[in-house]
PDB file of N, CA and C in Angstrom:
ATOM      1  N   MET A   1     -10.782 -10.775  10.123  1.00  0.00           N
ATOM      2  CA  MET A   1      -9.764 -11.745  10.467  1.00  0.00           C
ATOM      3  C   MET A   1      -8.470 -11.393   9.760  1.00  0.00           C
ATOM      4  N   GLY A   2      -7.351 -11.847  10.290  1.00  0.00           N
ATOM      5  CA  GLY A   2      -6.053 -11.501   9.768  1.00  0.00           C
ATOM      6  C   GLY A   2      -5.467 -12.454   8.753  1.00  0.00           C
ATOM      7  N   VAL A   3      -6.112 -13.594   8.465  1.00  0.00           N
ATOM      8  CA  VAL A   3      -5.526 -14.578   7.553  1.00  0.00           C
ATOM      9  C   VAL A   3      -6.586 -15.154   6.623  1.00  0.00           C
ATOM     10  N   THR A   4      -6.246 -15.225   5.332  1.00  0.00           N
ATOM     11  CA  THR A   4      -7.117 -15.896   4.366  1.00  0.00           C
ATOM     12  C   THR A   4      -6.272 -16.862   3.547  1.00  0.00           C
ATOM     13  N   LEU A   5      -6.895 -17.882   3.021  1.00  0.00           N
ATOM     14  CA  LEU A   5      -6.212 -18.879   2.205  1.00  0.00           C
ATOM     15  C   LEU A   5      -6.846 -18.923   0.828  1.00  0.00           C
ATOM     16  N   GLU A   6      -6.002 -18.781  -0.198  1.00  0.00           N
ATOM     17  CA  GLU A   6      -6.438 -18.909  -1.587  1.00  0.00           C
ATOM     18  C   GLU A   6      -5.727 -20.136  -2.156  1.00  0.00           C
ATOM     19  N   GLN A   7      -6.502 -21.100  -2.626  1.00  0.00           N
ATOM     20  CA  GLN A   7      -5.924 -22.331  -3.158  1.00  0.00           C
ATOM     21  C   GLN A   7      -6.112 -22.409  -4.667  1.00  0.00           C
ATOM     22  N   SER A   8      -5.070 -22.911  -5.341  1.00  0.00           N
ATOM     23  CA  SER A   8      -5.162 -23.183  -6.771  1.00  0.00           C
ATOM     24  C   SER A   8      -4.613 -24.584  -7.004  1.00  0.00           C
ATOM     25  N   GLU A   9      -4.567 -24.985  -8.252  1.00  0.00           N
ATOM     26  CA  GLU A   9      -4.062 -26.321  -8.568  1.00  0.00           C
ATOM     27  C   GLU A   9      -2.576 -26.471  -8.279  1.00  0.00           C
ATOM     28  N   THR A  10      -1.846 -25.362  -8.261  1.00  0.00           N
ATOM     29  CA  THR A  10      -0.398 -25.443  -8.095  1.00  0.00           C
ATOM     30  C   THR A  10       0.124 -24.899  -6.768  1.00  0.00           C
ATOM     31  N   GLN A  11      -0.677 -24.064  -6.103  1.00  0.00           N
ATOM     32  CA  GLN A  11      -0.155 -23.455  -4.886  1.00  0.00           C
ATOM     33  C   GLN A  11      -1.258 -23.055  -3.916  1.00  0.00           C
ATOM     34  N   ASN A  12      -0.819 -22.751  -2.708  1.00  0.00           N
ATOM     35  CA  ASN A  12      -1.673 -22.195  -1.661  1.00  0.00           C
ATOM     36  C   ASN A  12      -1.081 -20.842  -1.300  1.00  0.00           C
ATOM     37  N   LEU A  13      -1.909 -19.824  -1.262  1.00  0.00           N
ATOM     38  CA  LEU A  13      -1.449 -18.487  -0.899  1.00  0.00           C
ATOM     39  C   LEU A  13      -2.179 -18.052   0.362  1.00  0.00           C
ATOM     40  N   LEU A  14      -1.401 -17.870   1.433  1.00  0.00           N
ATOM     41  CA  LEU A  14      -1.951 -17.351   2.680  1.00  0.00           C
ATOM     42  C   LEU A  14      -1.669 -15.864   2.726  1.00  0.00           C
ATOM     43  N   ARG A  15      -2.732 -15.070   2.848  1.00  0.00           N
ATOM     44  CA  ARG A  15      -2.588 -13.611   2.939  1.00  0.00           C
ATOM     45  C   ARG A  15      -2.802 -13.199   4.391  1.00  0.00           C
ATOM     46  N   LEU A  16      -1.793 -12.573   4.953  1.00  0.00           N
ATOM     47  CA  LEU A  16      -1.881 -12.051   6.305  1.00  0.00           C
ATOM     48  C   LEU A  16      -2.192 -10.568   6.212  1.00  0.00           C
ATOM     49  N   GLN A  17      -3.210 -10.138   6.941  1.00  0.00           N
ATOM     50  CA  GLN A  17      -3.666  -8.746   6.905  1.00  0.00           C
ATOM     51  C   GLN A  17      -3.794  -8.211   8.322  1.00  0.00           C
ATOM     52  N   GLU A  18      -3.459  -6.951   8.467  1.00  0.00           N
ATOM     53  CA  GLU A  18      -3.632  -6.227   9.724  1.00  0.00           C
ATOM     54  C   GLU A  18      -2.886  -6.936  10.852  1.00  0.00           C
ATOM     55  N   ALA A  19      -3.476  -7.022  12.025  1.00  0.00           N
ATOM     56  CA  ALA A  19      -2.816  -7.656  13.175  1.00  0.00           C
ATOM     57  C   ALA A  19      -3.076  -9.159  13.135  1.00  0.00           C
ATOM     58  N   VAL A  20      -2.008  -9.928  13.158  1.00  0.00           N
ATOM     59  CA  VAL A  20      -2.115 -11.388  13.157  1.00  0.00           C
ATOM     60  C   VAL A  20      -1.479 -11.873  14.455  1.00  0.00           C
ATOM     61  N   GLY A  21      -2.290 -12.532  15.262  1.00  0.00           N
ATOM     62  CA  GLY A  21      -1.773 -12.962  16.548  1.00  0.00           C
ATOM     63  C   GLY A  21      -2.659 -13.970  17.227  1.00  0.00           C
ATOM     64  N   ILE A  22      -2.593 -13.955  18.542  1.00  0.00           N
ATOM     65  CA  ILE A  22      -3.272 -14.956  19.347  1.00  0.00           C
ATOM     66  C   ILE A  22      -4.776 -14.980  19.096  1.00  0.00           C
ATOM     67  N   GLY A  23      -5.361 -13.860  18.750  1.00  0.00           N
ATOM     68  CA  GLY A  23      -6.801 -13.799  18.499  1.00  0.00           C
ATOM     69  C   GLY A  23      -7.254 -14.642  17.325  1.00  0.00           C
ATOM     70  N   CYS A  24      -6.371 -14.863  16.367  1.00  0.00           N
ATOM     71  CA  CYS A  24      -6.733 -15.686  15.207  1.00  0.00           C
ATOM     72  C   CYS A  24      -5.777 -16.870  15.054  1.00  0.00           C
ATOM     73  N   ALA A  25      -5.028 -17.183  16.109  1.00  0.00           N
ATOM     74  CA  ALA A  25      -4.019 -18.244  16.037  1.00  0.00           C
ATOM     75  C   ALA A  25      -4.605 -19.606  15.686  1.00  0.00           C
ATOM     76  N   SER A  26      -5.742 -19.934  16.255  1.00  0.00           N
ATOM     77  CA  SER A  26      -6.353 -21.233  15.986  1.00  0.00           C
ATOM     78  C   SER A  26      -6.735 -21.368  14.510  1.00  0.00           C
ATOM     79  N   GLU A  27      -7.373 -20.344  13.981  1.00  0.00           N
ATOM     80  CA  GLU A  27      -7.757 -20.374  12.571  1.00  0.00           C
ATOM     81  C   GLU A  27      -6.531 -20.324  11.661  1.00  0.00           C
ATOM     82  N   PHE A  28      -5.526 -19.532  12.030  1.00  0.00           N
ATOM     83  CA  PHE A  28      -4.289 -19.450  11.271  1.00  0.00           C
ATOM     84  C   PHE A  28      -3.619 -20.822  11.224  1.00  0.00           C
ATOM     85  N   LYS A  29      -3.568 -21.505  12.352  1.00  0.00           N
ATOM     86  CA  LYS A  29      -2.968 -22.841  12.417  1.00  0.00           C
ATOM     87  C   LYS A  29      -3.720 -23.816  11.511  1.00  0.00           C
ATOM     88  N   GLU A  30      -5.044 -23.755  11.529  1.00  0.00           N
ATOM     89  CA  GLU A  30      -5.853 -24.640  10.680  1.00  0.00           C
ATOM     90  C   GLU A  30      -5.586 -24.378   9.192  1.00  0.00           C
ATOM     91  N   LEU A  31      -5.502 -23.103   8.810  1.00  0.00           N
ATOM     92  CA  LEU A  31      -5.244 -22.767   7.407  1.00  0.00           C
ATOM     93  C   LEU A  31      -3.842 -23.204   6.983  1.00  0.00           C
ATOM     94  N   LEU A  32      -2.869 -23.035   7.866  1.00  0.00           N
ATOM     95  CA  LEU A  32      -1.514 -23.507   7.566  1.00  0.00           C
ATOM     96  C   LEU A  32      -1.493 -25.023   7.390  1.00  0.00           C
ATOM     97  N   ALA A  33      -2.179 -25.734   8.271  1.00  0.00           N
ATOM     98  CA  ALA A  33      -2.234 -27.196   8.177  1.00  0.00           C
ATOM     99  C   ALA A  33      -2.904 -27.640   6.882  1.00  0.00           C
ATOM    100  N   LEU A  34      -3.970 -26.974   6.501  1.00  0.00           N
ATOM    101  CA  LEU A  34      -4.671 -27.281   5.249  1.00  0.00           C
ATOM    102  C   LEU A  34      -3.743 -27.059   4.058  1.00  0.00           C
ATOM    103  N   ALA A  35      -3.060 -25.936   4.062  1.00  0.00           N
ATOM    104  CA  ALA A  35      -2.143 -25.622   2.963  1.00  0.00           C
ATOM    105  C   ALA A  35      -0.996 -26.623   2.895  1.00  0.00           C
ATOM    106  N   LEU A  36      -0.390 -26.920   4.034  1.00  0.00           N
ATOM    107  CA  LEU A  36       0.730 -27.867   4.052  1.00  0.00           C
ATOM    108  C   LEU A  36       0.279 -29.278   3.694  1.00  0.00           C
ATOM    109  N   GLY A  37      -0.912 -29.639   4.135  1.00  0.00           N
ATOM    110  CA  GLY A  37      -1.430 -30.981   3.871  1.00  0.00           C
ATOM    111  C   GLY A  37      -1.752 -31.233   2.414  1.00  0.00           C
ATOM    112  N   SER A  38      -1.891 -30.181   1.630  1.00  0.00           N
ATOM    113  CA  SER A  38      -2.218 -30.345   0.211  1.00  0.00           C
ATOM    114  C   SER A  38      -1.030 -30.836  -0.598  1.00  0.00           C
ATOM    115  N   GLY A  39       0.173 -30.621  -0.073  1.00  0.00           N
ATOM    116  CA  GLY A  39       1.373 -31.009  -0.807  1.00  0.00           C
ATOM    117  C   GLY A  39       1.786 -30.018  -1.879  1.00  0.00           C
ATOM    118  N   ARG A  40       0.988 -28.976  -2.059  1.00  0.00           N
ATOM    119  CA  ARG A  40       1.311 -27.942  -3.053  1.00  0.00           C
ATOM    120  C   ARG A  40       2.122 -26.829  -2.409  1.00  0.00           C
ATOM    121  N   GLU A  41       2.783 -26.067  -3.238  1.00  0.00           N
ATOM    122  CA  GLU A  41       3.591 -24.942  -2.783  1.00  0.00           C
ATOM    123  C   GLU A  41       2.791 -24.043  -1.835  1.00  0.00           C
ATOM    124  N   VAL A  42       3.443 -23.586  -0.768  1.00  0.00           N
ATOM    125  CA  VAL A  42       2.821 -22.672   0.187  1.00  0.00           C
ATOM    126  C   VAL A  42       3.537 -21.331   0.082  1.00  0.00           C
ATOM    127  N   ARG A  43       2.761 -20.302  -0.204  1.00  0.00           N
ATOM    128  CA  ARG A  43       3.307 -18.947  -0.306  1.00  0.00           C
ATOM    129  C   ARG A  43       2.594 -18.068   0.710  1.00  0.00           C
ATOM    130  N   ILE A  44       3.349 -17.159   1.308  1.00  0.00           N
ATOM    131  CA  ILE A  44       2.821 -16.295   2.349  1.00  0.00           C
ATOM    132  C   ILE A  44       2.966 -14.841   1.912  1.00  0.00           C
ATOM    133  N   SER A  45       1.858 -14.104   1.929  1.00  0.00           N
ATOM    134  CA  SER A  45       1.888 -12.677   1.637  1.00  0.00           C
ATOM    135  C   SER A  45       1.722 -11.913   2.953  1.00  0.00           C
ATOM    136  N   VAL A  46       2.688 -11.050   3.248  1.00  0.00           N
ATOM    137  CA  VAL A  46       2.667 -10.292   4.499  1.00  0.00           C
ATOM    138  C   VAL A  46       2.611  -8.784   4.260  1.00  0.00           C
ATOM    139  N   GLU A  47       2.345  -8.409   3.035  1.00  0.00           N
ATOM    140  CA  GLU A  47       2.336  -6.997   2.665  1.00  0.00           C
ATOM    141  C   GLU A  47       1.359  -6.166   3.498  1.00  0.00           C
ATOM    142  N   GLY A  48       0.205  -6.720   3.832  1.00  0.00           N
ATOM    143  CA  GLY A  48      -0.820  -5.972   4.551  1.00  0.00           C
ATOM    144  C   GLY A  48      -0.775  -6.115   6.062  1.00  0.00           C
ATOM    145  N   VAL A  49       0.278  -6.708   6.591  1.00  0.00           N
ATOM    146  CA  VAL A  49       0.380  -6.924   8.027  1.00  0.00           C
ATOM    147  C   VAL A  49       0.745  -5.627   8.747  1.00  0.00           C
ATOM    148  N   THR A  50       0.060  -5.384   9.854  1.00  0.00           N
ATOM    149  CA  THR A  50       0.417  -4.239  10.703  1.00  0.00           C
ATOM    150  C   THR A  50       1.093  -4.691  11.984  1.00  0.00           C
ATOM    151  N   ASP A  51       0.872  -5.961  12.371  1.00  0.00           N
ATOM    152  CA  ASP A  51       1.483  -6.489  13.587  1.00  0.00           C
ATOM    153  C   ASP A  51       1.477  -8.012  13.541  1.00  0.00           C
ATOM    154  N   LEU A  52       2.592  -8.609  13.945  1.00  0.00           N
ATOM    155  CA  LEU A  52       2.687 -10.058  14.119  1.00  0.00           C
ATOM    156  C   LEU A  52       3.102 -10.290  15.564  1.00  0.00           C
ATOM    157  N   ASP A  53       2.293 -11.016  16.327  1.00  0.00           N
ATOM    158  CA  ASP A  53       2.715 -11.291  17.690  1.00  0.00           C
ATOM    159  C   ASP A  53       3.489 -12.604  17.741  1.00  0.00           C
ATOM    160  N   VAL A  54       3.934 -12.963  18.919  1.00  0.00           N
ATOM    161  CA  VAL A  54       4.772 -14.150  19.085  1.00  0.00           C
ATOM    162  C   VAL A  54       4.061 -15.411  18.603  1.00  0.00           C
ATOM    163  N   ALA A  55       2.759 -15.507  18.816  1.00  0.00           N
ATOM    164  CA  ALA A  55       2.012 -16.684  18.366  1.00  0.00           C
ATOM    165  C   ALA A  55       2.093 -16.826  16.847  1.00  0.00           C
ATOM    166  N   ALA A  56       1.941 -15.726  16.123  1.00  0.00           N
ATOM    167  CA  ALA A  56       2.020 -15.759  14.660  1.00  0.00           C
ATOM    168  C   ALA A  56       3.428 -16.112  14.192  1.00  0.00           C
ATOM    169  N   VAL A  57       4.424 -15.552  14.840  1.00  0.00           N
ATOM    170  CA  VAL A  57       5.820 -15.854  14.490  1.00  0.00           C
ATOM    171  C   VAL A  57       6.096 -17.338  14.703  1.00  0.00           C
ATOM    172  N   GLN A  58       5.641 -17.882  15.814  1.00  0.00           N
ATOM    173  CA  GLN A  58       5.840 -19.309  16.094  1.00  0.00           C
ATOM    174  C   GLN A  58       5.155 -20.178  15.049  1.00  0.00           C
ATOM    175  N   LEU A  59       3.948 -19.819  14.656  1.00  0.00           N
ATOM    176  CA  LEU A  59       3.233 -20.601  13.646  1.00  0.00           C
ATOM    177  C   LEU A  59       3.947 -20.559  12.299  1.00  0.00           C
ATOM    178  N   LEU A  60       4.428 -19.398  11.895  1.00  0.00           N
ATOM    179  CA  LEU A  60       5.157 -19.291  10.628  1.00  0.00           C
ATOM    180  C   LEU A  60       6.450 -20.085  10.673  1.00  0.00           C
ATOM    181  N   TRP A  61       7.165 -19.987  11.766  1.00  0.00           N
ATOM    182  CA  TRP A  61       8.427 -20.709  11.914  1.00  0.00           C
ATOM    183  C   TRP A  61       8.184 -22.217  11.863  1.00  0.00           C
ATOM    184  N   ALA A  62       7.174 -22.692  12.605  1.00  0.00           N
ATOM    185  CA  ALA A  62       6.861 -24.121  12.626  1.00  0.00           C
ATOM    186  C   ALA A  62       6.382 -24.612  11.257  1.00  0.00           C
ATOM    187  N   ALA A  63       5.578 -23.804  10.572  1.00  0.00           N
ATOM    188  CA  ALA A  63       5.079 -24.190   9.253  1.00  0.00           C
ATOM    189  C   ALA A  63       6.224 -24.317   8.251  1.00  0.00           C
ATOM    190  N   GLU A  64       7.167 -23.394   8.310  1.00  0.00           N
ATOM    191  CA  GLU A  64       8.306 -23.470   7.396  1.00  0.00           C
ATOM    192  C   GLU A  64       9.129 -24.728   7.660  1.00  0.00           C
ATOM    193  N   ARG A  65       9.347 -25.048   8.920  1.00  0.00           N
ATOM    194  CA  ARG A  65      10.102 -26.267   9.265  1.00  0.00           C
ATOM    195  C   ARG A  65       9.362 -27.524   8.798  1.00  0.00           C
ATOM    196  N   LYS A  66       8.046 -27.542   9.012  1.00  0.00           N
ATOM    197  CA  LYS A  66       7.247 -28.705   8.596  1.00  0.00           C
ATOM    198  C   LYS A  66       7.276 -28.848   7.075  1.00  0.00           C
ATOM    199  N   ALA A  67       7.161 -27.733   6.369  1.00  0.00           N
ATOM    200  CA  ALA A  67       7.194 -27.771   4.905  1.00  0.00           C
ATOM    201  C   ALA A  67       8.531 -28.334   4.419  1.00  0.00           C
ATOM    202  N   LYS A  68       9.615 -27.860   4.982  1.00  0.00           N
ATOM    203  CA  LYS A  68      10.935 -28.365   4.581  1.00  0.00           C
ATOM    204  C   LYS A  68      11.043 -29.855   4.831  1.00  0.00           C
ATOM    205  N   GLY A  69      10.554 -30.307   5.979  1.00  0.00           N
ATOM    206  CA  GLY A  69      10.597 -31.729   6.304  1.00  0.00           C
ATOM    207  C   GLY A  69       9.763 -32.584   5.376  1.00  0.00           C
ATOM    208  N   ALA A  70       8.695 -32.003   4.838  1.00  0.00           N
ATOM    209  CA  ALA A  70       7.790 -32.735   3.944  1.00  0.00           C
ATOM    210  C   ALA A  70       8.136 -32.532   2.469  1.00  0.00           C
ATOM    211  N   GLY A  71       9.160 -31.716   2.195  1.00  0.00           N
ATOM    212  CA  GLY A  71       9.536 -31.448   0.806  1.00  0.00           C
ATOM    213  C   GLY A  71       8.573 -30.530   0.084  1.00  0.00           C
ATOM    214  N   VAL A  72       7.862 -29.697   0.831  1.00  0.00           N
ATOM    215  CA  VAL A  72       6.910 -28.754   0.255  1.00  0.00           C
ATOM    216  C   VAL A  72       7.565 -27.376   0.186  1.00  0.00           C
ATOM    217  N   SER A  73       7.459 -26.734  -0.954  1.00  0.00           N
ATOM    218  CA  SER A  73       8.029 -25.398  -1.117  1.00  0.00           C
ATOM    219  C   SER A  73       7.266 -24.405  -0.239  1.00  0.00           C
ATOM    220  N   PHE A  74       8.012 -23.572   0.503  1.00  0.00           N
ATOM    221  CA  PHE A  74       7.434 -22.584   1.405  1.00  0.00           C
ATOM    222  C   PHE A  74       8.196 -21.289   1.196  1.00  0.00           C
ATOM    223  N   SER A  75       7.478 -20.219   0.834  1.00  0.00           N
ATOM    224  CA  SER A  75       8.178 -18.958   0.574  1.00  0.00           C
ATOM    225  C   SER A  75       7.275 -17.766   0.873  1.00  0.00           C
ATOM    226  N   TYR A  76       7.929 -16.619   1.005  1.00  0.00           N
ATOM    227  CA  TYR A  76       7.219 -15.358   1.208  1.00  0.00           C
ATOM    228  C   TYR A  76       7.133 -14.638  -0.122  1.00  0.00           C
ATOM    229  N   VAL A  77       5.971 -14.092  -0.418  1.00  0.00           N
ATOM    230  CA  VAL A  77       5.726 -13.382  -1.663  1.00  0.00           C
ATOM    231  C   VAL A  77       6.361 -11.998  -1.611  1.00  0.00           C
ATOM    232  N   ASP A  78       6.348 -11.405  -0.444  1.00  0.00           N
ATOM    233  CA  ASP A  78       6.813 -10.043  -0.287  1.00  0.00           C
ATOM    234  C   ASP A  78       7.385  -9.855   1.111  1.00  0.00           C
ATOM    235  N   ALA A  79       8.058  -8.750   1.317  1.00  0.00           N
ATOM    236  CA  ALA A  79       8.581  -8.418   2.632  1.00  0.00           C
ATOM    237  C   ALA A  79       7.502  -7.684   3.429  1.00  0.00           C
ATOM    238  N   PRO A  80       7.516  -7.845   4.740  1.00  0.00           N
ATOM    239  CA  PRO A  80       6.525  -7.142   5.556  1.00  0.00           C
ATOM    240  C   PRO A  80       6.836  -5.651   5.622  1.00  0.00           C
ATOM    241  N   PRO A  81       5.842  -4.866   6.004  1.00  0.00           N
ATOM    242  CA  PRO A  81       6.069  -3.429   6.165  1.00  0.00           C
ATOM    243  C   PRO A  81       7.198  -3.155   7.167  1.00  0.00           C
ATOM    244  N   GLU A  82       7.835  -2.033   7.008  1.00  0.00           N
ATOM    245  CA  GLU A  82       8.984  -1.661   7.839  1.00  0.00           C
ATOM    246  C   GLU A  82       8.655  -1.657   9.333  1.00  0.00           C
ATOM    247  N   ALA A  83       7.462  -1.217   9.706  1.00  0.00           N
ATOM    248  CA  ALA A  83       7.077  -1.177  11.125  1.00  0.00           C
ATOM    249  C   ALA A  83       7.069  -2.582  11.733  1.00  0.00           C
ATOM    250  N   VAL A  84       6.615  -3.559  10.959  1.00  0.00           N
ATOM    251  CA  VAL A  84       6.586  -4.941  11.441  1.00  0.00           C
ATOM    252  C   VAL A  84       8.010  -5.462  11.577  1.00  0.00           C
ATOM    253  N   LEU A  85       8.853  -5.184  10.594  1.00  0.00           N
ATOM    254  CA  LEU A  85      10.258  -5.603  10.676  1.00  0.00           C
ATOM    255  C   LEU A  85      10.946  -4.988  11.886  1.00  0.00           C
ATOM    256  N   ALA A  86      10.662  -3.732  12.165  1.00  0.00           N
ATOM    257  CA  ALA A  86      11.272  -3.055  13.307  1.00  0.00           C
ATOM    258  C   ALA A  86      10.852  -3.726  14.617  1.00  0.00           C
ATOM    259  N   SER A  87       9.575  -4.053  14.743  1.00  0.00           N
ATOM    260  CA  SER A  87       9.084  -4.724  15.951  1.00  0.00           C
ATOM    261  C   SER A  87       9.724  -6.095  16.122  1.00  0.00           C
ATOM    262  N   LEU A  88       9.790  -6.852  15.028  1.00  0.00           N
ATOM    263  CA  LEU A  88      10.407  -8.173  15.091  1.00  0.00           C
ATOM    264  C   LEU A  88      11.893  -8.070  15.408  1.00  0.00           C
ATOM    265  N   SER A  89      12.550  -7.089  14.836  1.00  0.00           N
ATOM    266  CA  SER A  89      13.971  -6.891  15.076  1.00  0.00           C
ATOM    267  C   SER A  89      14.238  -6.565  16.547  1.00  0.00           C
ATOM    268  N   GLU A  90      13.402  -5.705  17.130  1.00  0.00           N
ATOM    269  CA  GLU A  90      13.550  -5.361  18.547  1.00  0.00           C
ATOM    270  C   GLU A  90      13.423  -6.595  19.430  1.00  0.00           C
ATOM    271  N   ALA A  91      12.598  -7.551  19.003  1.00  0.00           N
ATOM    272  CA  ALA A  91      12.403  -8.779  19.770  1.00  0.00           C
ATOM    273  C   ALA A  91      13.425  -9.857  19.399  1.00  0.00           C
ATOM    274  N   GLY A  92      14.289  -9.569  18.431  1.00  0.00           N
ATOM    275  CA  GLY A  92      15.285 -10.552  17.996  1.00  0.00           C
ATOM    276  C   GLY A  92      14.707 -11.661  17.142  1.00  0.00           C
ATOM    277  N   LEU A  93      13.571 -11.416  16.515  1.00  0.00           N
ATOM    278  CA  LEU A  93      12.869 -12.459  15.761  1.00  0.00           C
ATOM    279  C   LEU A  93      12.863 -12.242  14.250  1.00  0.00           C
ATOM    280  N   GLN A  94      13.381 -11.143  13.776  1.00  0.00           N
ATOM    281  CA  GLN A  94      13.280 -10.785  12.364  1.00  0.00           C
ATOM    282  C   GLN A  94      13.794 -11.889  11.441  1.00  0.00           C
ATOM    283  N   HIS A  95      14.975 -12.405  11.698  1.00  0.00           N
ATOM    284  CA  HIS A  95      15.559 -13.389  10.791  1.00  0.00           C
ATOM    285  C   HIS A  95      15.043 -14.801  11.032  1.00  0.00           C
ATOM    286  N   LEU A  96      14.257 -14.976  12.090  1.00  0.00           N
ATOM    287  CA  LEU A  96      13.684 -16.281  12.355  1.00  0.00           C
ATOM    288  C   LEU A  96      12.689 -16.680  11.272  1.00  0.00           C
ATOM    289  N   ILE A  97      11.883 -15.720  10.831  1.00  0.00           N
ATOM    290  CA  ILE A  97      10.870 -16.060   9.820  1.00  0.00           C
ATOM    291  C   ILE A  97      11.075 -15.353   8.492  1.00  0.00           C
ATOM    292  N   PHE A  98      11.826 -14.269   8.465  1.00  0.00           N
ATOM    293  CA  PHE A  98      12.050 -13.559   7.213  1.00  0.00           C
ATOM    294  C   PHE A  98      13.524 -13.643   6.851  1.00  0.00           C
ATOM    295  N   PRO A  99      13.875 -14.548   5.948  1.00  0.00           N
ATOM    296  CA  PRO A  99      15.272 -14.698   5.557  1.00  0.00           C
ATOM    297  C   PRO A  99      15.826 -13.397   4.982  1.00  0.00           C
ATOM    298  N   VAL A 100      17.112 -13.266   5.058  1.00  0.00           N
ATOM    299  CA  VAL A 100      17.780 -12.065   4.585  1.00  0.00           C
ATOM    300  C   VAL A 100      17.438 -11.768   3.123  1.00  0.00           C
ATOM    301  N   ASN A 101      17.305 -12.799   2.283  1.00  0.00           N
ATOM    302  CA  ASN A 101      17.025 -12.554   0.859  1.00  0.00           C
ATOM    303  C   ASN A 101      15.636 -11.998   0.601  1.00  0.00           C
ATOM    304  N   VAL A 102      14.725 -12.070   1.580  1.00  0.00           N
ATOM    305  CA  VAL A 102      13.398 -11.497   1.434  1.00  0.00           C
ATOM    306  C   VAL A 102      13.457 -10.009   1.749  1.00  0.00           C
ATOM    307  N   LEU A 103      14.348  -9.640   2.633  1.00  0.00           N
ATOM    308  CA  LEU A 103      14.427  -8.268   3.095  1.00  0.00           C
ATOM    309  C   LEU A 103      15.207  -7.489   2.110  1.00  0.00           C
TER     310      LEU A 103
END
């Protein structure tokens, strides 16, 4: 699977690995909801990602908006690999989920 959740007393860390997309979207959505529902900081690691499809981008974008609305800290631990950034950039989605300060 492409997504795992590690929870601690202070934060939730979602690790995205390999291809993250429609095949694991339901489970990814559930893990995001669990992390956001805890009220603790949500951090996303994308270092091991090889591909993010539109479903994954939409989930990340929606989760960040929901976190901001709920006053929950939401951030990326690292920048995604260059190949993923290139794919997102070609689709015009790079800055939608990865702020300039992460890149």
